[in-house]
N, C-alpha and C. Protein backbone atom coordinates (compact mmCIF):
# COMPACT_ATOMS: atom_id res chain seq x y z
N MET A 1 -12.50 -13.19 54.21
CA MET A 1 -13.08 -13.49 52.92
C MET A 1 -12.38 -12.93 51.84
N THR A 2 -11.92 -11.36 51.94
CA THR A 2 -11.23 -10.88 51.44
C THR A 2 -9.57 -11.11 50.88
N THR A 3 -9.52 -11.48 51.66
CA THR A 3 -7.85 -12.25 51.97
C THR A 3 -7.68 -13.78 50.75
N VAL A 4 -8.95 -14.08 51.46
CA VAL A 4 -9.23 -15.82 50.47
C VAL A 4 -8.85 -14.67 48.77
N PHE A 5 -9.67 -14.29 48.77
CA PHE A 5 -9.55 -13.54 46.84
C PHE A 5 -8.58 -12.97 46.45
N LEU A 6 -7.78 -12.17 47.34
CA LEU A 6 -6.45 -11.54 46.80
C LEU A 6 -5.82 -12.60 46.91
N ALA A 7 -5.53 -13.54 47.31
CA ALA A 7 -4.47 -14.63 47.62
C ALA A 7 -4.74 -15.91 46.06
N ALA A 8 -6.13 -15.82 46.01
CA ALA A 8 -6.64 -16.40 44.69
C ALA A 8 -5.92 -15.87 43.51
N GLN A 9 -6.17 -14.08 43.69
CA GLN A 9 -5.81 -13.42 42.61
C GLN A 9 -4.57 -13.64 42.13
N ALA A 10 -3.39 -13.31 43.68
CA ALA A 10 -1.85 -13.32 43.27
C ALA A 10 -1.43 -14.77 42.60
N ALA A 11 -2.42 -16.17 42.88
CA ALA A 11 -1.74 -17.01 42.45
C ALA A 11 -1.96 -17.14 40.75
N GLY A 12 -3.01 -17.00 40.66
CA GLY A 12 -3.63 -16.96 39.31
C GLY A 12 -2.70 -16.08 38.26
N ALA A 13 -2.33 -15.19 38.84
CA ALA A 13 -1.38 -13.89 38.07
C ALA A 13 -0.14 -14.67 37.19
N GLY A 14 0.30 -15.45 38.18
CA GLY A 14 1.64 -16.10 37.14
C GLY A 14 1.20 -16.27 35.75
N GLY A 15 -0.17 -17.16 35.80
CA GLY A 15 -0.57 -18.32 34.57
C GLY A 15 -0.78 -16.13 33.59
N SER A 16 -1.33 -15.84 33.73
CA SER A 16 -2.04 -14.68 33.30
C SER A 16 -1.32 -13.90 32.43
N GLY A 17 -0.13 -14.16 32.75
CA GLY A 17 1.42 -13.35 32.57
C GLY A 17 1.69 -13.31 30.62
N MET A 18 1.59 -15.23 30.90
CA MET A 18 1.55 -15.88 29.51
C MET A 18 0.59 -15.95 28.66
N SER A 19 -0.63 -15.90 29.36
CA SER A 19 -1.50 -15.84 28.24
C SER A 19 -1.66 -14.08 27.91
N MET A 20 -0.88 -13.71 28.57
CA MET A 20 -1.34 -12.50 27.93
C MET A 20 -0.33 -12.18 26.67
N LEU A 21 0.96 -12.59 27.04
CA LEU A 21 2.14 -12.64 25.85
C LEU A 21 1.21 -13.24 24.89
N LEU A 22 0.99 -14.43 24.69
CA LEU A 22 -0.17 -14.65 23.89
C LEU A 22 -1.07 -14.18 22.65
N MET A 23 -1.78 -13.83 23.82
CA MET A 23 -2.66 -12.94 23.65
C MET A 23 -2.47 -11.41 22.14
N MET A 24 -0.79 -11.59 22.78
CA MET A 24 -0.31 -10.05 21.96
C MET A 24 0.00 -10.20 20.71
N VAL A 25 1.04 -11.58 20.77
CA VAL A 25 1.47 -11.73 19.68
C VAL A 25 0.39 -12.61 18.68
N ALA A 26 -1.09 -12.47 18.87
CA ALA A 26 -2.14 -13.62 18.66
C ALA A 26 -2.51 -12.24 17.14
N LEU A 27 -2.52 -11.27 17.68
CA LEU A 27 -3.04 -9.94 17.76
C LEU A 27 -2.57 -8.94 16.84
N PHE A 28 -1.03 -9.05 17.00
CA PHE A 28 -0.22 -9.21 16.20
C PHE A 28 0.05 -9.97 14.98
N ALA A 29 -0.19 -10.99 15.02
CA ALA A 29 -0.23 -11.57 13.77
C ALA A 29 -1.04 -11.91 12.59
N ILE A 30 -2.89 -11.22 13.16
CA ILE A 30 -4.18 -10.70 12.72
C ILE A 30 -3.74 -9.73 12.17
N MET A 31 -3.38 -9.04 13.14
CA MET A 31 -2.86 -7.70 12.32
C MET A 31 -2.05 -7.47 10.63
N TRP A 32 -0.82 -8.33 11.37
CA TRP A 32 -0.07 -8.39 9.36
C TRP A 32 -0.75 -8.90 8.84
N PHE A 33 -1.39 -10.25 9.14
CA PHE A 33 -2.02 -10.76 7.52
C PHE A 33 -3.42 -10.17 7.26
N PHE A 34 -4.08 -9.14 7.83
CA PHE A 34 -4.84 -8.64 7.41
C PHE A 34 -4.69 -7.11 7.14
N MET A 35 -3.66 -6.37 7.47
CA MET A 35 -3.60 -4.87 7.53
C MET A 35 -2.17 -4.66 6.39
N ILE A 36 -1.03 -5.79 7.19
CA ILE A 36 0.34 -5.01 6.95
C ILE A 36 1.07 -5.73 5.53
N ARG A 37 0.61 -6.93 5.25
CA ARG A 37 0.97 -7.73 4.50
C ARG A 37 0.25 -7.00 3.04
N PRO A 38 -1.19 -6.95 3.02
CA PRO A 38 -1.85 -6.75 1.52
C PRO A 38 -1.53 -4.68 1.18
N GLN A 39 -1.03 -4.21 2.48
CA GLN A 39 -0.39 -2.77 1.57
C GLN A 39 1.17 -2.93 1.32
N GLN A 40 1.87 -3.91 1.76
CA GLN A 40 3.19 -4.74 1.14
C GLN A 40 2.75 -5.06 -0.43
N LYS A 41 2.18 -5.83 -0.38
CA LYS A 41 1.71 -6.68 -1.48
C LYS A 41 1.27 -5.82 -3.02
N LYS A 42 0.38 -4.44 -2.45
CA LYS A 42 -0.18 -3.74 -3.05
C LYS A 42 1.14 -2.33 -3.89
N GLN A 43 2.38 -1.99 -2.60
CA GLN A 43 3.71 -0.99 -3.09
C GLN A 43 4.25 -2.07 -4.03
N LYS A 44 4.40 -3.34 -3.70
CA LYS A 44 4.64 -4.70 -4.99
C LYS A 44 4.52 -3.52 -6.07
N GLU A 45 3.07 -4.24 -6.26
CA GLU A 45 2.36 -4.05 -7.48
C GLU A 45 2.71 -2.79 -8.19
N ILE A 46 2.43 -1.70 -7.71
CA ILE A 46 2.98 0.11 -7.95
C ILE A 46 4.06 0.32 -8.37
N GLN A 47 5.21 -0.59 -7.93
CA GLN A 47 6.75 -0.64 -7.93
C GLN A 47 6.98 -1.42 -9.62
N LYS A 48 6.25 -2.22 -9.88
CA LYS A 48 6.35 -3.15 -10.35
C LYS A 48 5.58 -2.62 -11.88
N PHE A 49 4.64 -1.85 -11.50
CA PHE A 49 3.84 -1.04 -12.88
C PHE A 49 4.68 0.06 -12.79
N GLN A 50 4.89 1.16 -12.15
CA GLN A 50 6.10 2.59 -12.40
C GLN A 50 7.05 1.70 -12.90
N ASN A 51 8.25 0.76 -12.95
CA ASN A 51 9.09 0.02 -13.03
C ASN A 51 9.36 -0.53 -14.94
N SER A 52 7.92 -0.53 -15.49
CA SER A 52 7.11 -0.66 -16.63
C SER A 52 6.57 0.16 -17.88
N LEU A 53 6.66 1.63 -16.82
CA LEU A 53 6.16 2.28 -17.81
C LEU A 53 6.99 2.36 -19.57
N ALA A 54 6.37 2.70 -20.53
CA ALA A 54 6.69 2.99 -21.46
C ALA A 54 5.91 3.94 -22.30
N GLU A 55 6.45 4.44 -23.38
CA GLU A 55 5.78 5.19 -24.36
C GLU A 55 4.28 4.71 -24.90
N GLY A 56 3.49 5.55 -25.01
CA GLY A 56 1.88 5.30 -24.88
C GLY A 56 1.11 4.93 -24.68
N MET A 57 1.29 4.10 -22.92
CA MET A 57 0.67 4.37 -22.25
C MET A 57 -0.23 5.18 -21.24
N PRO A 58 -1.58 4.39 -21.43
CA PRO A 58 -2.59 5.24 -20.48
C PRO A 58 -2.26 5.38 -19.59
N VAL A 59 -1.92 6.88 -18.53
CA VAL A 59 -1.12 6.68 -17.15
C VAL A 59 -2.64 7.82 -16.45
N VAL A 60 -2.72 7.41 -15.36
CA VAL A 60 -3.31 8.08 -14.68
C VAL A 60 -2.11 9.04 -13.01
N THR A 61 -1.74 10.15 -13.36
CA THR A 61 -0.83 10.20 -12.21
C THR A 61 -1.60 10.46 -10.72
N GLY A 62 -0.85 11.24 -10.11
CA GLY A 62 -1.12 10.99 -8.50
C GLY A 62 -2.80 12.00 -8.07
N GLY A 63 -2.25 13.12 -9.00
CA GLY A 63 -2.81 14.84 -8.78
C GLY A 63 -4.64 13.94 -9.53
N GLY A 64 -4.57 13.32 -10.24
CA GLY A 64 -5.84 12.87 -10.87
C GLY A 64 -6.22 12.85 -12.66
N ILE A 65 -4.76 13.58 -12.90
CA ILE A 65 -4.82 13.67 -14.13
C ILE A 65 -4.36 12.46 -14.98
N TYR A 66 -5.21 12.63 -16.25
CA TYR A 66 -5.41 11.46 -17.18
C TYR A 66 -4.62 11.73 -18.23
N GLY A 67 -3.63 10.96 -18.47
CA GLY A 67 -2.79 10.89 -19.93
C GLY A 67 -2.37 10.03 -20.67
N THR A 68 -1.83 10.19 -21.83
CA THR A 68 -0.70 9.34 -22.19
C THR A 68 0.93 9.55 -22.09
N VAL A 69 1.54 8.71 -21.61
CA VAL A 69 3.51 8.23 -21.82
C VAL A 69 3.84 8.78 -22.90
N LYS A 70 4.96 9.92 -22.90
CA LYS A 70 5.28 10.56 -24.20
C LYS A 70 6.85 9.77 -24.09
N LYS A 71 7.25 10.14 -22.98
CA LYS A 71 8.31 9.95 -23.09
C LYS A 71 9.05 9.33 -21.42
N VAL A 72 9.84 8.28 -21.60
CA VAL A 72 10.18 7.89 -19.84
C VAL A 72 11.86 8.34 -19.85
N ASP A 73 11.95 8.57 -19.37
CA ASP A 73 13.61 8.89 -18.92
C ASP A 73 14.10 8.45 -17.47
N ILE A 74 14.46 7.45 -17.35
CA ILE A 74 15.29 6.21 -16.41
C ILE A 74 16.22 6.58 -15.89
N ALA A 75 16.93 7.57 -16.09
CA ALA A 75 18.29 8.14 -15.17
C ALA A 75 17.38 9.01 -13.62
N SER A 76 16.71 10.15 -14.82
CA SER A 76 16.36 11.23 -13.65
C SER A 76 14.70 10.43 -12.91
N GLY A 77 14.28 9.58 -13.66
CA GLY A 77 13.01 9.03 -12.73
C GLY A 77 11.50 10.04 -13.49
N ILE A 78 11.83 10.35 -14.64
CA ILE A 78 10.66 11.76 -14.82
C ILE A 78 10.36 11.24 -16.01
N ILE A 79 9.23 11.72 -15.93
CA ILE A 79 8.28 10.88 -17.02
C ILE A 79 7.27 11.87 -17.53
N GLU A 80 7.28 12.43 -18.86
CA GLU A 80 6.39 13.17 -20.05
C GLU A 80 5.14 12.39 -20.12
N VAL A 81 4.01 13.35 -20.08
CA VAL A 81 3.02 12.44 -20.12
C VAL A 81 1.83 13.58 -21.12
N GLU A 82 1.29 13.13 -21.66
CA GLU A 82 0.15 14.02 -23.40
C GLU A 82 -1.12 14.46 -22.76
N ILE A 83 -1.39 15.31 -21.70
CA ILE A 83 -2.96 15.57 -21.45
C ILE A 83 -4.08 16.29 -22.25
N ALA A 84 -3.22 16.49 -23.12
CA ALA A 84 -3.68 16.75 -24.36
C ALA A 84 -2.75 16.74 -25.63
N LYS A 85 -4.11 16.97 -27.09
CA LYS A 85 -2.73 17.34 -27.77
C LYS A 85 -1.78 18.79 -28.14
N GLY A 86 -0.40 17.84 -27.83
CA GLY A 86 0.26 19.67 -28.10
C GLY A 86 0.84 20.08 -26.50
N VAL A 87 -0.14 19.42 -25.78
CA VAL A 87 0.69 19.81 -24.22
C VAL A 87 0.86 18.34 -23.42
N THR A 88 2.22 18.80 -23.13
CA THR A 88 3.18 17.82 -21.89
C THR A 88 3.46 18.06 -20.57
N ILE A 89 3.51 17.43 -19.63
CA ILE A 89 3.58 17.70 -17.78
C ILE A 89 4.93 16.77 -17.73
N ARG A 90 5.52 16.69 -17.01
CA ARG A 90 6.61 16.41 -16.62
C ARG A 90 5.97 15.65 -15.09
N VAL A 91 6.43 14.81 -14.81
CA VAL A 91 5.70 14.14 -13.81
C VAL A 91 6.70 13.63 -13.24
N ASP A 92 7.09 12.69 -11.75
CA ASP A 92 7.48 11.98 -11.43
C ASP A 92 7.54 10.59 -11.92
N LYS A 93 8.04 9.83 -11.71
CA LYS A 93 7.73 8.51 -12.07
C LYS A 93 7.03 7.76 -10.79
N GLY A 94 7.34 8.38 -9.62
CA GLY A 94 6.52 8.05 -8.17
C GLY A 94 5.52 8.48 -8.12
N TYR A 95 4.83 9.39 -8.96
CA TYR A 95 3.63 10.04 -9.10
C TYR A 95 2.50 9.02 -10.11
N VAL A 96 3.17 8.40 -10.57
CA VAL A 96 2.16 7.22 -11.87
C VAL A 96 1.49 6.28 -10.79
N PHE A 97 0.15 6.10 -10.46
CA PHE A 97 0.06 5.14 -9.88
C PHE A 97 -0.90 4.31 -10.60
N LYS A 98 -1.19 4.42 -12.07
CA LYS A 98 -1.87 3.24 -12.25
C LYS A 98 -2.62 3.79 -14.19
N ASP A 99 -2.94 2.26 -14.54
CA ASP A 99 -3.01 1.92 -16.01
C ASP A 99 -4.11 2.63 -16.12
N ALA A 100 -5.03 3.94 -16.51
CA ALA A 100 -5.99 4.72 -16.95
C ALA A 100 -7.08 3.45 -17.68
N THR A 101 -6.98 2.24 -18.60
CA THR A 101 -7.55 1.82 -19.30
C THR A 101 -8.05 1.16 -18.07
N ALA A 102 -7.37 -0.07 -17.03
CA ALA A 102 -7.68 -1.09 -16.58
C ALA A 102 -9.03 -0.01 -15.59
N ASN A 103 -8.76 1.34 -15.44
CA ASN A 103 -10.30 1.86 -13.96
C ASN A 103 -11.32 2.02 -15.35
N GLN A 104 -10.90 2.30 -16.49
CA GLN A 104 -12.18 2.73 -17.49
C GLN A 104 -13.08 1.20 -17.31
N ALA A 105 -12.03 0.36 -17.38
CA ALA A 105 -13.02 -1.28 -17.94
C ALA A 105 -13.57 -1.40 -16.46
N VAL A 106 -12.94 -0.87 -15.05
CA VAL A 106 -14.18 -1.48 -14.10
C VAL A 106 -14.70 -0.91 -14.34
N ALA A 107 -15.14 0.29 -15.02
CA ALA A 107 -16.64 1.78 -14.97
C ALA A 107 -17.28 1.34 -16.16
N LYS A 108 -17.35 0.53 -16.39
CA LYS A 108 -18.18 -0.01 -18.28
C LYS A 108 -19.23 -1.05 -16.98
């Protein structure tokens, strides 16, 4: 009885390899559609926003500091952000993530 079970199991092993491969491909495709693709889309939107920074835009830095862009130095990638009257900080362009007005509109 045991030998019949082992023989049947060995005969079915050839087909299970192909189904296992198909399952792995399907799992990767699902993971790509639900995890990787949206993250890539979000990164492109952030990059587009960072490239469109201009003076006078309200922004939020990566550290959570709200301010207004006062000067954009494209060559060095440094942005001066005014956080209070007469107080400006220098921030790398890569650490400015979103428009502050968009965040406030959602809160209301």
